[in-house]
Amino acid sequence: REQTIGGFTQIGAHGTGAGIPSVDDSVVELKVVTPAHGTMVLSADSNPELFRLAKVGLGCLGVVTEVTLRCVPAHKLVEKTFVTSVKEVKRNHADWIRRHKHLRYMWLPATDSVVVVQCDEEGSAVARAAVAEAEAETASRKNGGDTEENALRALLKSNAKSIDLNGQAPDELSPTECRDVLLAHDPLNASWVAAVNRAEAAFWKSNEGVRVGYSDEILGFDCGGQQWVFEVAFPCGTREKPNGWDISYMEELLKLIKKHKIPAPSPIEQRWTSGSSSSMSPCAGPPESLHSWVGIIMYLPEEEGKEALREDVTRAFVEYKRMVEGRLLPRYNAVEHWAKIEIPEDERELRATRARLHARYPIEAFERARREVDPDNVLGGTIVDALFTR
């Protein structure tokens, strides 16, 4: 809810839902101020080619001063959250993709658990069924309440003598704060991170259920503390006929983590969108196309005096990211989310990134447009200038 519209649209941000494109596809008109031509109004009827490029213009095709967005009325969603196995996800995934308006998976490395979050508009048949199921489960419980200890907090308490709580009491910490403290204790120890992930799986298992709220409340969630993130998007068929690449990608990623003993924390989040009409969107494609987005993370200790450890985590994340880039991205035709892209320090990796972007996007058309509206590269930035060639 705290996004700025310019940044939210210009880098192809997205929610989740097989029938919902990235947010740039909701832009129906743009007003931009350009160095060469002053103010320009772009739409599907007015300079359509530049409009398709400028909707995800990365700030390079004019300063966006006004956006007209296609919107829907405020509405409530019914959210169902549950934990299941990888086998059950594989068995039900194609059906879930078609059935639910919003779908999100949180994969928990070093466990066989996947947190599934399904959201549908209140009043729809699938939402009514979720509410009825939750009411039946509540009625069948004898104790009528959740009496289990938060598993993340329990792990923190059981290791309280060795973990620096920085003056905080475990009972005062939220689940994500408990996770942050636990991971900061030994973030590069794969066995310890696996134990934290197992505690997170137990936490979600004890918090399965249904809730109802407005969409902006339901779809937002607490990401935790400071972190490195690397998110990619790749095509995976259509909503009616998914080709299975999205699940295969995750299986290969989990095998990579296990084989190389990567201290990969939870969650690895997976979402979906339909295709976007924006030429530079990571999910550019026809509206019926299906695209998956997957983000890997590592959390950074925030306490003072842990600068060296933060540097070690950063190096570990670079290696983790490098492995994903080299082994998975080419195989699945995946590209980086523009908001998560970094300039590789290694020249060979930089060339590979440029080649990947040029193979996926109409870079030459984008560069021609840049030269037309900004011949002196006033609006260029470090990242774009390094990854593209003018």
Protein backbone atom coordinates (compact mmCIF):
# COMPACT_ATOMS: atom_id res chain seq x y z
CA ARG A 1 0.00 0.00 0.00
CA GLU A 2 3.00 2.32 0.43
CA GLN A 3 4.18 2.04 -3.20
CA THR A 4 4.63 5.15 -5.34
CA ILE A 5 2.71 4.85 -8.62
CA GLY A 6 5.67 5.92 -10.79
CA GLY A 7 8.09 3.37 -9.40
CA PHE A 8 5.39 0.71 -9.05
CA THR A 9 4.59 0.80 -12.76
CA GLN A 10 7.93 1.73 -14.33
CA ILE A 11 9.73 -1.43 -13.19
CA GLY A 12 6.95 -3.94 -13.88
CA ALA A 13 5.91 -4.68 -10.29
CA HIS A 14 3.32 -7.38 -9.78
CA GLY A 15 0.94 -9.08 -7.40
CA THR A 16 -0.16 -12.66 -7.90
CA GLY A 17 -2.89 -14.26 -9.97
CA ALA A 18 -2.84 -16.26 -13.19
CA GLY A 19 -5.43 -13.95 -14.72
CA ILE A 20 -3.85 -10.69 -13.50
CA PRO A 21 -0.96 -9.01 -15.38
CA SER A 22 1.83 -6.97 -13.84
CA VAL A 23 0.64 -3.51 -12.76
CA ASP A 24 2.10 -1.72 -15.80
CA ASP A 25 -0.60 -3.37 -17.92
CA SER A 26 -3.20 -1.37 -15.97
CA VAL A 27 -1.73 1.88 -17.33
CA VAL A 28 -3.97 3.27 -20.10
CA GLU A 29 -2.28 6.68 -20.48
CA LEU A 30 1.05 8.22 -19.52
CA LYS A 31 2.14 11.83 -19.34
CA VAL A 32 5.92 12.09 -19.46
CA VAL A 33 8.32 15.02 -19.60
CA THR A 34 11.23 14.34 -21.95
CA PRO A 35 14.49 16.26 -22.50
CA ALA A 36 14.00 16.41 -26.30
CA HIS A 37 10.24 16.84 -26.77
CA GLY A 38 8.97 18.29 -23.53
CA THR A 39 5.66 16.92 -22.29
CA MET A 40 4.26 13.95 -24.19
CA VAL A 41 0.96 12.14 -23.66
CA LEU A 42 1.20 8.46 -24.58
CA SER A 43 -1.52 5.85 -24.97
CA ALA A 44 -2.55 2.96 -27.19
CA ASP A 45 -3.95 5.58 -29.62
CA SER A 46 -1.25 8.22 -29.28
CA ASN A 47 2.27 7.03 -30.17
CA PRO A 48 1.43 3.39 -29.33
CA GLU A 49 4.92 1.92 -29.88
CA LEU A 50 6.53 4.39 -27.51
CA PHE A 51 3.64 3.84 -25.08
CA ARG A 52 4.26 0.09 -24.99
CA LEU A 53 7.95 0.74 -24.28
CA ALA A 54 7.39 3.57 -21.78
CA LYS A 55 4.92 1.70 -19.56
CA VAL A 56 7.98 -0.14 -18.21
CA GLY A 57 10.40 2.59 -19.19
CA LEU A 58 12.75 2.19 -16.20
CA GLY A 59 12.65 5.98 -15.84
CA CYS A 60 14.62 6.37 -19.08
CA LEU A 61 11.90 7.42 -21.52
CA GLY A 62 10.70 10.51 -19.67
CA VAL A 63 9.86 11.67 -16.18
CA VAL A 64 6.42 10.24 -15.47
CA THR A 65 4.20 13.02 -14.12
CA GLU A 66 0.73 11.59 -14.60
CA VAL A 67 -0.69 8.07 -14.94
CA THR A 68 -4.19 6.98 -15.83
CA LEU A 69 -4.86 3.53 -14.39
CA ARG A 70 -7.58 0.99 -15.07
CA CYS A 71 -9.02 0.16 -11.65
CA VAL A 72 -11.60 -2.08 -9.99
CA PRO A 73 -13.90 -1.29 -7.03
CA ALA A 74 -12.56 -1.95 -3.54
CA HIS A 75 -13.47 -5.51 -2.60
CA LYS A 76 -12.95 -8.10 0.10
CA LEU A 77 -11.07 -11.35 -0.28
CA VAL A 78 -11.28 -14.65 1.53
CA GLU A 79 -7.77 -15.95 2.18
CA LYS A 80 -7.12 -19.62 2.89
CA THR A 81 -3.65 -20.56 4.16
CA PHE A 82 -2.48 -24.13 4.69
CA VAL A 83 0.68 -26.24 4.65
CA THR A 84 1.07 -29.19 2.33
CA SER A 85 3.76 -31.36 0.77
CA VAL A 86 5.66 -30.89 -2.47
CA LYS A 87 3.89 -33.99 -3.83
CA GLU A 88 0.47 -32.51 -3.14
CA VAL A 89 1.44 -29.19 -4.74
CA LYS A 90 2.49 -31.03 -7.90
CA ARG A 91 -0.75 -33.00 -7.92
CA ASN A 92 -3.06 -29.98 -7.48
CA HIS A 93 -1.14 -27.08 -8.99
CA ALA A 94 -2.80 -26.93 -12.43
CA ASP A 95 -6.24 -26.97 -10.80
CA TRP A 96 -5.33 -24.31 -8.22
CA ILE A 97 -3.91 -22.02 -10.91
CA ARG A 98 -7.20 -22.11 -12.81
CA ARG A 99 -9.52 -21.99 -9.81
CA HIS A 100 -8.17 -19.20 -7.62
CA LYS A 101 -7.98 -15.49 -8.35
CA HIS A 102 -4.78 -15.14 -6.31
CA LEU A 103 -2.31 -17.93 -5.53
CA ARG A 104 1.00 -17.80 -3.72
CA TYR A 105 3.41 -20.51 -2.57
CA MET A 106 6.05 -20.14 0.11
CA TRP A 107 8.59 -22.93 -0.29
CA LEU A 108 10.54 -23.81 2.86
CA PRO A 109 14.00 -25.27 2.02
CA ALA A 110 15.22 -28.32 3.98
CA THR A 111 11.60 -29.34 4.62
CA ASP A 112 8.93 -31.09 2.58
CA SER A 113 6.54 -28.25 3.38
CA VAL A 114 4.98 -25.65 1.11
CA VAL A 115 2.76 -22.89 2.47
CA VAL A 116 -0.14 -22.36 0.07
CA VAL A 117 -2.08 -19.08 0.12
CA GLN A 118 -5.28 -18.94 -1.94
CA CYS A 119 -7.40 -15.78 -2.19
CA ASP A 120 -10.78 -15.31 -3.85
CA GLU A 121 -13.39 -12.59 -3.86
CA GLU A 122 -15.88 -12.76 -1.01
CA GLY A 123 -19.14 -14.21 -2.24
CA SER A 124 -17.62 -16.36 -4.97
CA ALA A 125 -18.35 -20.08 -4.87
CA VAL A 126 -14.76 -21.03 -4.07
CA ALA A 127 -14.59 -18.41 -1.27
CA ARG A 128 -17.87 -19.62 0.26
CA ALA A 129 -16.53 -23.17 0.21
CA ALA A 130 -13.34 -22.08 2.02
CA VAL A 131 -15.36 -20.30 4.73
CA ALA A 132 -17.68 -23.28 5.20
CA GLU A 133 -14.71 -25.65 5.48
CA ALA A 134 -13.05 -23.41 8.07
CA GLU A 135 -16.25 -23.17 10.12
CA ALA A 136 -16.63 -26.97 10.07
CA GLU A 137 -13.03 -27.46 11.22
CA THR A 138 -13.47 -24.93 14.03
CA ALA A 139 -16.63 -26.65 15.22
CA SER A 140 -14.86 -30.03 15.30
CA ARG A 141 -12.08 -28.84 17.57
CA LYS A 142 -12.58 -29.80 21.18
CA ASN A 143 -10.43 -27.12 22.78
CA GLY A 144 -11.76 -24.35 20.55
CA GLY A 145 -8.48 -22.46 20.19
CA ASP A 146 -4.85 -22.51 19.21
CA THR A 147 -2.83 -23.38 22.29
CA GLU A 148 0.40 -24.32 20.53
CA GLU A 149 3.51 -22.28 21.20
CA ASN A 150 4.78 -20.28 18.25
CA ALA A 151 7.43 -22.72 16.97
CA LEU A 152 9.83 -19.92 15.98
CA ARG A 153 9.53 -18.38 19.43
CA ALA A 154 9.96 -21.81 21.04
CA LEU A 155 13.21 -22.36 19.12
CA LEU A 156 14.39 -18.92 20.21
CA LYS A 157 13.61 -19.64 23.87
CA SER A 158 15.34 -23.02 23.77
CA ASN A 159 18.52 -21.32 22.51
CA ALA A 160 18.20 -18.13 24.54
CA LYS A 161 21.50 -18.68 26.38
CA SER A 162 23.53 -18.61 23.17
CA ILE A 163 21.51 -16.08 21.13
CA ASP A 164 21.98 -12.35 21.56
CA LEU A 165 18.46 -10.95 21.99
CA ASN A 166 19.74 -7.38 22.26
CA GLY A 167 17.62 -6.78 25.36
CA GLN A 168 14.38 -8.04 23.78
CA ALA A 169 12.05 -10.60 25.35
CA PRO A 170 11.06 -13.48 23.02
CA ASP A 171 7.39 -13.08 23.93
CA GLU A 172 7.45 -9.50 22.65
CA LEU A 173 8.69 -10.48 19.18
CA SER A 174 6.46 -11.15 16.17
CA PRO A 175 7.01 -14.39 14.21
CA THR A 176 9.05 -12.58 11.53
CA GLU A 177 11.11 -10.82 14.21
CA CYS A 178 11.77 -14.21 15.84
CA ARG A 179 12.96 -15.50 12.48
CA ASP A 180 15.22 -12.46 12.01
CA VAL A 181 16.87 -12.98 15.42
CA LEU A 182 17.26 -16.73 14.88
CA LEU A 183 18.88 -16.33 11.47
CA ALA A 184 21.15 -13.51 12.64
CA HIS A 185 22.59 -15.92 15.23
CA ASP A 186 24.29 -18.13 12.61
CA PRO A 187 23.08 -17.16 9.11
CA LEU A 188 25.67 -19.16 7.14
CA ASN A 189 25.31 -22.43 9.04
CA ALA A 190 23.18 -24.58 6.72
CA SER A 191 22.13 -26.93 9.55
CA TRP A 192 21.02 -24.04 11.76
CA VAL A 193 19.13 -22.33 8.92
CA ALA A 194 17.42 -25.66 8.16
CA ALA A 195 16.32 -25.87 11.82
CA VAL A 196 14.86 -22.36 11.59
CA ASN A 197 13.05 -23.34 8.38
CA ARG A 198 11.57 -26.40 10.10
CA ALA A 199 10.36 -24.19 12.93
CA GLU A 200 8.78 -21.87 10.37
CA ALA A 201 7.01 -24.84 8.78
CA ALA A 202 5.62 -25.80 12.20
CA PHE A 203 4.56 -22.19 12.82
CA TRP A 204 2.58 -22.06 9.59
CA LYS A 205 1.05 -25.47 10.27
CA SER A 206 -0.30 -24.24 13.59
CA ASN A 207 -1.64 -21.09 11.93
CA GLU A 208 -3.57 -22.63 9.07
CA GLY A 209 -6.97 -21.09 8.49
CA VAL A 210 -9.16 -18.56 6.75
CA ARG A 211 -9.47 -14.80 7.12
CA VAL A 212 -11.51 -12.13 5.36
CA GLY A 213 -10.48 -8.55 4.61
CA TYR A 214 -10.10 -5.90 1.93
CA SER A 215 -7.70 -6.87 -0.82
CA ASP A 216 -4.96 -4.38 0.15
CA GLU A 217 -4.94 -5.83 3.67
CA ILE A 218 -5.01 -9.47 2.61
CA LEU A 219 -2.45 -9.36 -0.21
CA GLY A 220 0.21 -7.51 1.77
CA PHE A 221 2.48 -9.43 4.15
CA ASP A 222 5.45 -8.89 6.46
CA CYS A 223 8.69 -9.66 4.60
CA GLY A 224 10.91 -9.48 7.68
CA GLY A 225 14.10 -7.49 8.15
CA GLN A 226 16.88 -6.36 5.81
CA GLN A 227 17.55 -8.86 3.09
CA TRP A 228 19.13 -9.56 -0.25
CA VAL A 229 16.55 -10.55 -2.87
CA PHE A 230 16.90 -11.96 -6.35
CA GLU A 231 13.62 -12.41 -8.20
CA VAL A 232 13.07 -13.71 -11.71
CA ALA A 233 10.15 -14.23 -14.07
CA PHE A 234 9.69 -16.91 -16.72
CA PRO A 235 6.88 -18.19 -18.99
CA CYS A 236 5.13 -21.43 -18.05
CA GLY A 237 2.40 -22.04 -20.61
CA THR A 238 -1.12 -20.66 -20.22
CA ARG A 239 -3.58 -20.60 -17.38
CA GLU A 240 -5.68 -23.27 -19.06
CA LYS A 241 -2.64 -25.32 -20.09
CA PRO A 242 0.29 -24.72 -17.72
CA ASN A 243 3.39 -26.55 -18.96
CA GLY A 244 4.78 -27.37 -15.51
CA TRP A 245 7.93 -25.27 -15.80
CA ASP A 246 7.00 -23.36 -12.64
CA ILE A 247 7.05 -26.48 -10.47
CA SER A 248 10.08 -27.97 -12.25
CA TYR A 249 11.99 -24.74 -11.60
CA MET A 250 11.28 -25.00 -7.89
CA GLU A 251 12.23 -28.67 -7.72
CA GLU A 252 15.56 -27.95 -9.40
CA LEU A 253 16.17 -24.97 -7.14
CA LEU A 254 15.54 -27.03 -4.00
CA LYS A 255 17.86 -29.78 -5.27
CA LEU A 256 20.55 -27.15 -5.92
CA ILE A 257 20.19 -25.85 -2.37
CA LYS A 258 20.43 -29.35 -0.90
CA LYS A 259 23.35 -30.51 -3.07
CA HIS A 260 25.49 -27.45 -2.37
CA LYS A 261 24.41 -27.08 1.28
CA ILE A 262 23.30 -23.49 0.69
CA PRO A 263 22.06 -21.84 3.92
CA ALA A 264 18.84 -20.80 2.17
CA PRO A 265 16.27 -19.31 4.55
CA SER A 266 12.51 -19.37 4.20
CA PRO A 267 10.49 -18.47 2.36
CA ILE A 268 11.25 -18.84 -1.31
CA GLU A 269 8.19 -17.07 -2.61
CA GLN A 270 6.49 -18.03 -5.87
CA ARG A 271 3.74 -16.02 -7.58
CA TRP A 272 2.10 -15.86 -11.01
CA THR A 273 0.78 -13.30 -13.45
CA SER A 274 -0.72 -13.28 -16.90
CA GLY A 275 1.07 -11.66 -19.82
CA SER A 276 1.59 -7.91 -20.12
CA SER A 277 1.28 -5.76 -23.25
CA SER A 278 4.30 -3.71 -22.11
CA SER A 279 7.29 -4.51 -24.30
CA MET A 280 9.81 -4.26 -21.46
CA SER A 281 7.82 -6.15 -18.84
CA PRO A 282 9.45 -9.36 -17.56
CA CYS A 283 6.09 -11.03 -18.26
CA ALA A 284 5.55 -9.52 -21.71
CA GLY A 285 3.23 -11.75 -23.69
CA PRO A 286 -0.36 -12.36 -24.76
CA PRO A 287 -3.04 -12.01 -22.06
CA GLU A 288 -3.67 -15.75 -21.87
CA SER A 289 0.01 -16.54 -21.21
CA LEU A 290 1.12 -17.63 -17.74
CA HIS A 291 4.29 -16.37 -16.05
CA SER A 292 5.86 -17.40 -12.74
CA TRP A 293 7.89 -15.16 -10.45
CA VAL A 294 10.32 -16.69 -7.93
CA GLY A 295 12.39 -14.81 -5.36
CA ILE A 296 15.33 -16.14 -3.34
CA ILE A 297 16.52 -14.30 -0.24
CA MET A 298 19.13 -14.08 2.50
CA TYR A 299 18.59 -11.97 5.61
CA LEU A 300 21.19 -9.52 6.84
CA PRO A 301 21.93 -9.21 10.58
CA GLU A 302 20.98 -5.68 11.62
CA GLU A 303 22.70 -5.38 15.00
CA GLU A 304 25.67 -3.10 15.44
CA GLY A 305 29.02 -4.81 15.41
CA LYS A 306 28.02 -7.40 12.81
CA GLU A 307 29.40 -5.60 9.77
CA ALA A 308 31.82 -8.43 8.98
CA LEU A 309 29.02 -10.99 9.19
CA ARG A 310 26.86 -8.85 6.89
CA GLU A 311 29.71 -8.88 4.36
CA ASP A 312 29.97 -12.68 4.66
CA VAL A 313 26.22 -13.05 4.09
CA THR A 314 26.47 -10.77 1.07
CA ARG A 315 29.24 -12.91 -0.44
CA ALA A 316 27.25 -16.08 0.24
CA PHE A 317 24.19 -14.58 -1.41
CA VAL A 318 26.19 -13.57 -4.48
CA GLU A 319 27.31 -17.20 -4.85
CA TYR A 320 23.74 -18.44 -4.31
CA LYS A 321 22.45 -15.99 -6.92
CA ARG A 322 25.29 -16.85 -9.32
CA MET A 323 24.36 -20.53 -9.14
CA VAL A 324 20.70 -19.77 -9.91
CA GLU A 325 21.67 -17.45 -12.78
CA GLY A 326 24.01 -19.93 -14.38
CA ARG A 327 22.01 -23.14 -13.97
CA LEU A 328 18.34 -22.20 -13.99
CA LEU A 329 17.80 -18.93 -15.86
CA PRO A 330 18.99 -20.14 -19.29
CA ARG A 331 17.03 -23.39 -19.00
CA TYR A 332 13.73 -21.66 -18.20
CA ASN A 333 14.14 -18.49 -20.27
CA ALA A 334 13.99 -16.52 -17.03
CA VAL A 335 14.94 -12.87 -16.58
CA GLU A 336 15.47 -10.69 -13.54
CA HIS A 337 12.75 -8.51 -12.08
CA TRP A 338 13.87 -4.96 -12.95
CA ALA A 339 13.56 -3.90 -9.29
CA LYS A 340 15.92 -6.69 -8.18
CA ILE A 341 18.60 -6.57 -10.88
CA GLU A 342 22.23 -5.86 -10.00
CA ILE A 343 25.29 -5.13 -12.15
CA PRO A 344 27.58 -8.20 -12.10
CA GLU A 345 31.13 -7.36 -11.09
CA ASP A 346 32.56 -10.19 -13.18
CA GLU A 347 32.91 -9.16 -16.85
CA ARG A 348 31.90 -12.58 -18.15
CA GLU A 349 28.74 -12.55 -16.02
CA LEU A 350 27.98 -9.02 -17.19
CA ARG A 351 28.18 -10.14 -20.81
CA ALA A 352 25.91 -13.08 -20.03
CA THR A 353 23.37 -10.78 -18.37
CA ARG A 354 23.41 -8.41 -21.35
CA ALA A 355 22.94 -11.32 -23.73
CA ARG A 356 20.01 -12.64 -21.67
CA LEU A 357 18.30 -9.24 -21.65
CA HIS A 358 18.87 -8.70 -25.38
CA ALA A 359 17.42 -12.12 -26.15
CA ARG A 360 14.30 -11.42 -24.11
CA TYR A 361 13.55 -7.72 -24.76
CA PRO A 362 13.40 -5.39 -27.78
CA ILE A 363 16.52 -3.60 -26.54
CA GLU A 364 17.32 -2.01 -29.92
CA ALA A 365 13.84 -0.43 -30.10
CA PHE A 366 14.18 0.73 -26.51
CA GLU A 367 17.55 2.33 -27.23
CA ARG A 368 16.20 4.04 -30.35
CA ALA A 369 13.41 5.48 -28.24
CA ARG A 370 15.94 6.67 -25.65
CA ARG A 371 17.97 8.44 -28.30
CA GLU A 372 14.81 10.06 -29.66
CA VAL A 373 13.43 11.45 -26.39
CA ASP A 374 16.74 11.83 -24.50
CA PRO A 375 19.68 12.20 -26.94
CA ASP A 376 22.07 13.42 -24.24
CA ASN A 377 21.19 10.59 -21.82
CA VAL A 378 20.01 12.96 -19.11
CA LEU A 379 17.72 10.26 -17.70
CA GLY A 380 20.15 7.35 -17.88
CA GLY A 381 21.14 5.53 -14.74
CA THR A 382 24.07 3.42 -13.62
CA ILE A 383 22.27 0.11 -13.98
CA VAL A 384 20.59 0.72 -17.33
CA ASP A 385 23.69 2.27 -18.86
CA ALA A 386 25.76 -0.74 -17.78
CA LEU A 387 23.30 -3.37 -18.97
CA PHE A 388 22.24 -1.75 -22.24
CA THR A 389 24.37 -0.22 -24.97
CA ARG A 390 23.36 3.10 -26.53
